[in-house]
């Protein structure tokens, strides 16, 4: 488990699933994960800590690294559905581009890119 003092940011987790909009198109509808709000450590992805957590391939894709306590629902999602998850951090929205486990599956590490809300 990450140290309590490291988890200083409150983030919301939701999976965005496509729904028909009634006009032949689709709209992304947020479905909150359970639990929907967690404490996390959010970092810039361009430091040595991010490289250690993500590896070079994911670090190249990501703008942020989000470390949170093990989240059963998020960990159980297949990767294709993990890529539909967005992390809301204050007024910023981060799209998940990769996921990893840290030390004995006690924490999840999410590689994210910042998107417009």
N, C-alpha and C. Protein backbone atom coordinates (compact mmCIF):
# COMPACT_ATOMS: atom_id res chain seq x y z
N UNK A 1 0.86 -1.18 0.00
CA UNK A 1 0.00 0.00 0.00
C UNK A 1 0.90 1.23 0.00
N UNK A 2 0.57 2.23 -0.80
CA UNK A 2 1.35 3.47 -0.74
C UNK A 2 1.26 4.08 0.65
N UNK A 3 2.29 4.81 1.03
CA UNK A 3 2.26 5.46 2.34
C UNK A 3 1.15 6.51 2.35
N UNK A 4 0.46 6.61 3.46
CA UNK A 4 -0.67 7.53 3.57
C UNK A 4 -0.29 8.96 3.24
N UNK A 5 0.87 9.41 3.66
CA UNK A 5 1.28 10.78 3.39
C UNK A 5 1.52 11.08 1.93
N UNK A 6 1.70 10.02 1.11
CA UNK A 6 1.94 10.20 -0.32
C UNK A 6 0.65 10.44 -1.10
N UNK A 7 -0.48 10.02 -0.55
CA UNK A 7 -1.77 10.12 -1.25
C UNK A 7 -2.45 11.42 -0.84
N UNK A 8 -2.10 12.50 -1.53
CA UNK A 8 -2.57 13.83 -1.12
C UNK A 8 -3.62 14.42 -2.06
N UNK A 9 -3.90 13.75 -3.15
CA UNK A 9 -4.85 14.28 -4.14
C UNK A 9 -6.10 13.41 -4.17
N UNK A 10 -7.26 14.06 -4.16
CA UNK A 10 -8.54 13.35 -4.27
C UNK A 10 -8.90 13.30 -5.75
N UNK A 11 -9.14 12.09 -6.27
CA UNK A 11 -9.47 11.94 -7.69
C UNK A 11 -10.76 11.13 -7.84
N UNK A 12 -11.45 11.38 -8.94
CA UNK A 12 -12.67 10.63 -9.27
C UNK A 12 -12.35 9.70 -10.44
N UNK A 13 -12.88 8.49 -10.38
CA UNK A 13 -12.66 7.48 -11.42
C UNK A 13 -13.98 7.15 -12.09
N UNK A 14 -13.99 7.21 -13.41
CA UNK A 14 -15.20 6.85 -14.16
C UNK A 14 -14.78 6.21 -15.48
N UNK A 15 -15.57 5.25 -15.91
CA UNK A 15 -15.37 4.62 -17.21
C UNK A 15 -16.36 5.25 -18.17
N UNK A 16 -15.89 5.66 -19.33
CA UNK A 16 -16.76 6.30 -20.31
C UNK A 16 -17.11 5.28 -21.38
N UNK A 17 -18.39 4.96 -21.45
CA UNK A 17 -18.86 3.95 -22.41
C UNK A 17 -19.70 4.63 -23.49
N UNK A 18 -19.56 4.16 -24.74
CA UNK A 18 -20.34 4.77 -25.82
C UNK A 18 -21.82 4.40 -25.71
N UNK A 19 -22.67 5.40 -25.90
CA UNK A 19 -24.12 5.23 -25.91
C UNK A 19 -24.66 5.86 -27.18
N UNK A 20 -25.69 5.28 -27.78
CA UNK A 20 -26.29 5.92 -28.96
C UNK A 20 -26.89 7.27 -28.57
N UNK A 21 -26.73 8.26 -29.44
CA UNK A 21 -27.27 9.58 -29.14
C UNK A 21 -28.64 9.81 -29.77
N UNK A 22 -29.20 8.81 -30.46
CA UNK A 22 -30.53 8.94 -31.06
C UNK A 22 -30.50 9.58 -32.43
N UNK A 23 -29.32 9.99 -32.89
CA UNK A 23 -29.19 10.63 -34.21
C UNK A 23 -28.22 9.87 -35.10
N UNK A 24 -27.95 8.62 -34.73
CA UNK A 24 -27.04 7.80 -35.52
C UNK A 24 -25.59 7.88 -35.05
N UNK A 25 -25.31 8.70 -34.07
CA UNK A 25 -23.96 8.83 -33.54
C UNK A 25 -23.85 8.24 -32.15
N UNK A 26 -22.76 8.55 -31.50
CA UNK A 26 -22.55 8.07 -30.14
C UNK A 26 -22.07 9.19 -29.25
N UNK A 27 -22.37 9.07 -27.97
CA UNK A 27 -21.90 10.01 -26.97
C UNK A 27 -21.30 9.18 -25.83
N UNK A 28 -20.19 9.65 -25.26
CA UNK A 28 -19.57 8.95 -24.15
C UNK A 28 -20.31 9.27 -22.86
N UNK A 29 -20.78 8.22 -22.18
CA UNK A 29 -21.52 8.37 -20.94
C UNK A 29 -20.66 7.89 -19.77
N UNK A 30 -20.45 8.74 -18.75
CA UNK A 30 -19.62 8.31 -17.61
C UNK A 30 -20.36 7.34 -16.71
N UNK A 31 -19.64 6.27 -16.33
CA UNK A 31 -20.15 5.30 -15.37
C UNK A 31 -19.12 5.26 -14.23
N UNK A 32 -19.45 5.82 -13.06
CA UNK A 32 -18.48 5.85 -11.96
C UNK A 32 -18.06 4.45 -11.54
N UNK A 33 -16.77 4.29 -11.24
CA UNK A 33 -16.28 3.04 -10.70
C UNK A 33 -16.67 2.96 -9.23
N UNK A 34 -16.50 1.79 -8.64
CA UNK A 34 -16.88 1.64 -7.23
C UNK A 34 -15.64 1.21 -6.43
N UNK A 35 -15.14 2.05 -5.55
CA UNK A 35 -15.60 3.38 -5.16
C UNK A 35 -15.20 4.41 -6.21
N UNK A 36 -15.99 5.46 -6.36
CA UNK A 36 -15.73 6.45 -7.40
C UNK A 36 -14.66 7.48 -7.04
N UNK A 37 -14.44 7.73 -5.75
CA UNK A 37 -13.45 8.72 -5.31
C UNK A 37 -12.39 8.03 -4.47
N UNK A 38 -11.13 8.33 -4.76
CA UNK A 38 -10.02 7.74 -3.99
C UNK A 38 -8.94 8.80 -3.80
N UNK A 39 -8.08 8.57 -2.81
CA UNK A 39 -6.90 9.40 -2.62
C UNK A 39 -5.80 8.83 -3.49
N UNK A 40 -5.01 9.72 -4.09
CA UNK A 40 -3.97 9.28 -5.02
C UNK A 40 -2.76 10.21 -4.95
N UNK A 41 -1.69 9.77 -5.57
CA UNK A 41 -0.50 10.59 -5.78
C UNK A 41 -0.44 10.85 -7.28
N UNK A 42 -0.54 12.10 -7.69
CA UNK A 42 -0.50 12.47 -9.10
C UNK A 42 0.81 13.19 -9.36
N UNK A 43 1.57 12.69 -10.36
CA UNK A 43 2.88 13.26 -10.68
C UNK A 43 3.01 13.51 -12.16
N UNK A 44 3.91 14.42 -12.50
CA UNK A 44 4.33 14.62 -13.89
C UNK A 44 5.05 13.35 -14.34
N UNK A 45 4.90 12.96 -15.57
CA UNK A 45 5.47 11.68 -16.02
C UNK A 45 6.91 11.80 -16.50
N UNK A 46 7.52 12.96 -16.39
CA UNK A 46 8.84 13.13 -17.00
C UNK A 46 9.99 13.06 -16.01
N UNK A 47 9.78 12.48 -14.84
CA UNK A 47 10.85 12.36 -13.86
C UNK A 47 11.35 10.93 -13.73
N UNK A 48 12.40 10.72 -12.95
CA UNK A 48 12.94 9.38 -12.76
C UNK A 48 11.98 8.43 -12.04
N UNK A 49 11.13 8.97 -11.16
CA UNK A 49 10.15 8.12 -10.47
C UNK A 49 9.17 7.54 -11.49
N UNK A 50 8.70 8.37 -12.42
CA UNK A 50 7.77 7.91 -13.44
C UNK A 50 8.42 6.85 -14.33
N UNK A 51 9.67 7.05 -14.68
CA UNK A 51 10.36 6.06 -15.51
C UNK A 51 10.44 4.72 -14.79
N UNK A 52 10.71 4.74 -13.49
CA UNK A 52 10.78 3.51 -12.70
C UNK A 52 9.41 2.83 -12.61
N UNK A 53 8.35 3.62 -12.44
CA UNK A 53 7.01 3.05 -12.29
C UNK A 53 6.42 2.57 -13.61
N UNK A 54 6.69 3.29 -14.70
CA UNK A 54 6.02 3.01 -15.97
C UNK A 54 6.88 2.25 -16.97
N UNK A 55 8.16 2.49 -16.97
CA UNK A 55 9.02 1.98 -18.03
C UNK A 55 9.03 2.97 -19.18
N UNK A 56 9.99 2.84 -20.10
CA UNK A 56 10.17 3.85 -21.14
C UNK A 56 9.01 3.95 -22.14
N UNK A 57 8.35 2.83 -22.47
CA UNK A 57 7.29 2.88 -23.47
C UNK A 57 6.09 3.68 -22.97
N UNK A 58 5.60 3.37 -21.76
CA UNK A 58 4.44 4.09 -21.23
C UNK A 58 4.81 5.52 -20.87
N UNK A 59 6.03 5.74 -20.39
CA UNK A 59 6.43 7.10 -20.04
C UNK A 59 6.37 8.01 -21.27
N UNK A 60 6.71 7.48 -22.43
CA UNK A 60 6.68 8.28 -23.66
C UNK A 60 5.26 8.68 -24.03
N UNK A 61 4.25 7.86 -23.69
CA UNK A 61 2.85 8.16 -24.01
C UNK A 61 2.20 9.09 -22.99
N UNK A 62 2.65 9.03 -21.75
CA UNK A 62 1.92 9.65 -20.64
C UNK A 62 2.39 11.07 -20.34
N UNK A 63 1.46 11.88 -19.83
CA UNK A 63 1.82 13.21 -19.31
C UNK A 63 1.79 13.19 -17.78
N UNK A 64 1.07 12.22 -17.20
CA UNK A 64 0.94 12.11 -15.74
C UNK A 64 0.98 10.65 -15.30
N UNK A 65 1.41 10.45 -14.07
CA UNK A 65 1.37 9.14 -13.42
C UNK A 65 0.46 9.29 -12.21
N UNK A 66 -0.51 8.39 -12.07
CA UNK A 66 -1.41 8.39 -10.93
C UNK A 66 -1.20 7.08 -10.18
N UNK A 67 -0.80 7.19 -8.91
CA UNK A 67 -0.62 6.01 -8.05
C UNK A 67 -1.74 6.04 -7.03
N UNK A 68 -2.47 4.93 -6.94
CA UNK A 68 -3.58 4.85 -5.99
C UNK A 68 -3.60 3.49 -5.33
N UNK A 69 -4.24 3.39 -4.16
CA UNK A 69 -4.33 2.08 -3.52
C UNK A 69 -5.03 1.09 -4.46
N UNK A 70 -4.73 -0.18 -4.26
CA UNK A 70 -5.33 -1.22 -5.09
C UNK A 70 -6.84 -1.00 -5.17
N UNK A 71 -7.36 -0.93 -6.39
CA UNK A 71 -8.78 -0.69 -6.65
C UNK A 71 -9.32 -1.93 -7.36
N UNK A 72 -10.11 -2.71 -6.66
CA UNK A 72 -10.55 -4.01 -7.17
C UNK A 72 -11.22 -3.91 -8.54
N UNK A 73 -12.15 -2.98 -8.72
CA UNK A 73 -12.86 -2.89 -10.00
C UNK A 73 -11.92 -2.48 -11.13
N UNK A 74 -11.08 -1.50 -10.87
CA UNK A 74 -10.15 -1.03 -11.90
C UNK A 74 -9.13 -2.10 -12.26
N UNK A 75 -8.66 -2.84 -11.27
CA UNK A 75 -7.68 -3.91 -11.53
C UNK A 75 -8.30 -5.06 -12.31
N UNK A 76 -9.61 -5.29 -12.14
CA UNK A 76 -10.27 -6.42 -12.79
C UNK A 76 -10.69 -6.12 -14.24
N UNK A 77 -10.72 -4.85 -14.62
CA UNK A 77 -11.15 -4.51 -15.98
C UNK A 77 -10.15 -5.00 -17.01
N UNK A 78 -10.62 -5.55 -18.14
CA UNK A 78 -9.71 -5.87 -19.23
C UNK A 78 -9.08 -4.56 -19.76
N UNK A 79 -7.89 -4.67 -20.34
CA UNK A 79 -7.16 -3.48 -20.77
C UNK A 79 -7.99 -2.59 -21.71
N UNK A 80 -8.77 -3.20 -22.61
CA UNK A 80 -9.57 -2.39 -23.53
C UNK A 80 -10.56 -1.49 -22.77
N UNK A 81 -11.07 -1.96 -21.63
CA UNK A 81 -11.97 -1.13 -20.82
C UNK A 81 -11.22 -0.17 -19.92
N UNK A 82 -9.99 -0.53 -19.52
CA UNK A 82 -9.17 0.39 -18.74
C UNK A 82 -8.90 1.65 -19.55
N UNK A 83 -8.74 1.49 -20.86
CA UNK A 83 -8.46 2.64 -21.73
C UNK A 83 -9.66 3.57 -21.87
N UNK A 84 -10.83 3.16 -21.35
CA UNK A 84 -12.01 4.02 -21.34
C UNK A 84 -12.14 4.78 -20.03
N UNK A 85 -11.21 4.57 -19.10
CA UNK A 85 -11.29 5.20 -17.78
C UNK A 85 -10.66 6.59 -17.83
N UNK A 86 -11.33 7.52 -17.18
CA UNK A 86 -10.81 8.87 -17.03
C UNK A 86 -10.71 9.19 -15.55
N UNK A 87 -9.66 9.90 -15.21
CA UNK A 87 -9.40 10.32 -13.84
C UNK A 87 -9.65 11.82 -13.79
N UNK A 88 -10.58 12.27 -12.95
CA UNK A 88 -10.82 13.69 -12.79
C UNK A 88 -10.06 14.14 -11.55
N UNK A 89 -9.17 15.11 -11.76
CA UNK A 89 -8.27 15.60 -10.72
C UNK A 89 -8.46 17.11 -10.64
N UNK A 90 -9.30 17.54 -9.73
CA UNK A 90 -9.67 18.96 -9.68
C UNK A 90 -10.43 19.30 -10.94
N UNK A 91 -9.94 20.29 -11.69
CA UNK A 91 -10.60 20.67 -12.94
C UNK A 91 -9.95 19.98 -14.14
N UNK A 92 -8.95 19.14 -13.90
CA UNK A 92 -8.22 18.48 -14.98
C UNK A 92 -8.77 17.07 -15.21
N UNK A 93 -8.76 16.64 -16.47
CA UNK A 93 -9.24 15.31 -16.83
C UNK A 93 -8.07 14.55 -17.46
N UNK A 94 -7.79 13.37 -16.91
CA UNK A 94 -6.69 12.53 -17.38
C UNK A 94 -7.26 11.25 -17.97
N UNK A 95 -6.87 10.93 -19.20
CA UNK A 95 -7.28 9.71 -19.88
C UNK A 95 -6.24 8.63 -19.61
N UNK A 96 -6.67 7.47 -19.15
CA UNK A 96 -5.74 6.37 -18.86
C UNK A 96 -5.25 5.77 -20.17
N UNK A 97 -3.92 5.62 -20.29
CA UNK A 97 -3.32 4.99 -21.48
C UNK A 97 -2.58 3.71 -21.13
N UNK A 98 -2.48 3.40 -19.84
CA UNK A 98 -1.83 2.16 -19.41
C UNK A 98 -2.00 1.96 -17.92
N UNK A 99 -1.82 0.71 -17.49
CA UNK A 99 -2.01 0.37 -16.07
C UNK A 99 -0.95 -0.64 -15.66
N UNK A 100 -0.51 -0.52 -14.42
CA UNK A 100 0.43 -1.49 -13.89
C UNK A 100 0.19 -1.68 -12.40
N UNK A 101 0.73 -2.76 -11.85
CA UNK A 101 0.63 -3.02 -10.42
C UNK A 101 1.99 -2.74 -9.80
N UNK A 102 1.99 -2.27 -8.59
CA UNK A 102 3.23 -1.96 -7.89
C UNK A 102 3.35 -2.85 -6.66
N UNK A 103 4.51 -3.43 -6.46
CA UNK A 103 4.83 -4.21 -5.25
C UNK A 103 3.70 -5.06 -4.71
N UNK A 104 3.73 -6.32 -4.99
CA UNK A 104 2.78 -7.28 -4.43
C UNK A 104 1.31 -6.87 -4.61
N UNK A 105 1.00 -6.20 -5.67
CA UNK A 105 -0.37 -5.80 -5.99
C UNK A 105 -1.01 -4.94 -4.91
N UNK A 106 -0.21 -4.11 -4.24
CA UNK A 106 -0.79 -3.25 -3.21
C UNK A 106 -1.21 -1.89 -3.74
N UNK A 107 -0.78 -1.56 -4.95
CA UNK A 107 -1.12 -0.26 -5.53
C UNK A 107 -1.27 -0.38 -7.04
N UNK A 108 -2.07 0.47 -7.60
CA UNK A 108 -2.20 0.57 -9.05
C UNK A 108 -1.45 1.80 -9.52
N UNK A 109 -0.81 1.67 -10.66
CA UNK A 109 -0.11 2.78 -11.28
C UNK A 109 -0.79 3.00 -12.64
N UNK A 110 -1.29 4.20 -12.85
CA UNK A 110 -1.96 4.53 -14.11
C UNK A 110 -1.12 5.53 -14.88
N UNK A 111 -0.87 5.23 -16.14
CA UNK A 111 -0.23 6.17 -17.05
C UNK A 111 -1.38 6.94 -17.71
N UNK A 112 -1.32 8.27 -17.71
CA UNK A 112 -2.44 9.08 -18.20
C UNK A 112 -1.94 10.21 -19.10
N UNK A 113 -2.82 10.65 -19.99
CA UNK A 113 -2.59 11.87 -20.76
C UNK A 113 -3.70 12.85 -20.41
N UNK A 114 -3.35 14.12 -20.39
CA UNK A 114 -4.36 15.14 -20.07
C UNK A 114 -5.23 15.39 -21.29
N UNK A 115 -6.55 15.48 -21.06
CA UNK A 115 -7.50 15.74 -22.15
C UNK A 115 -8.34 16.94 -21.77
N UNK A 116 -9.12 17.40 -22.72
CA UNK A 116 -10.06 18.47 -22.41
C UNK A 116 -11.35 17.85 -21.88
N UNK A 117 -11.99 18.47 -20.89
CA UNK A 117 -13.19 17.87 -20.30
C UNK A 117 -14.37 17.78 -21.25
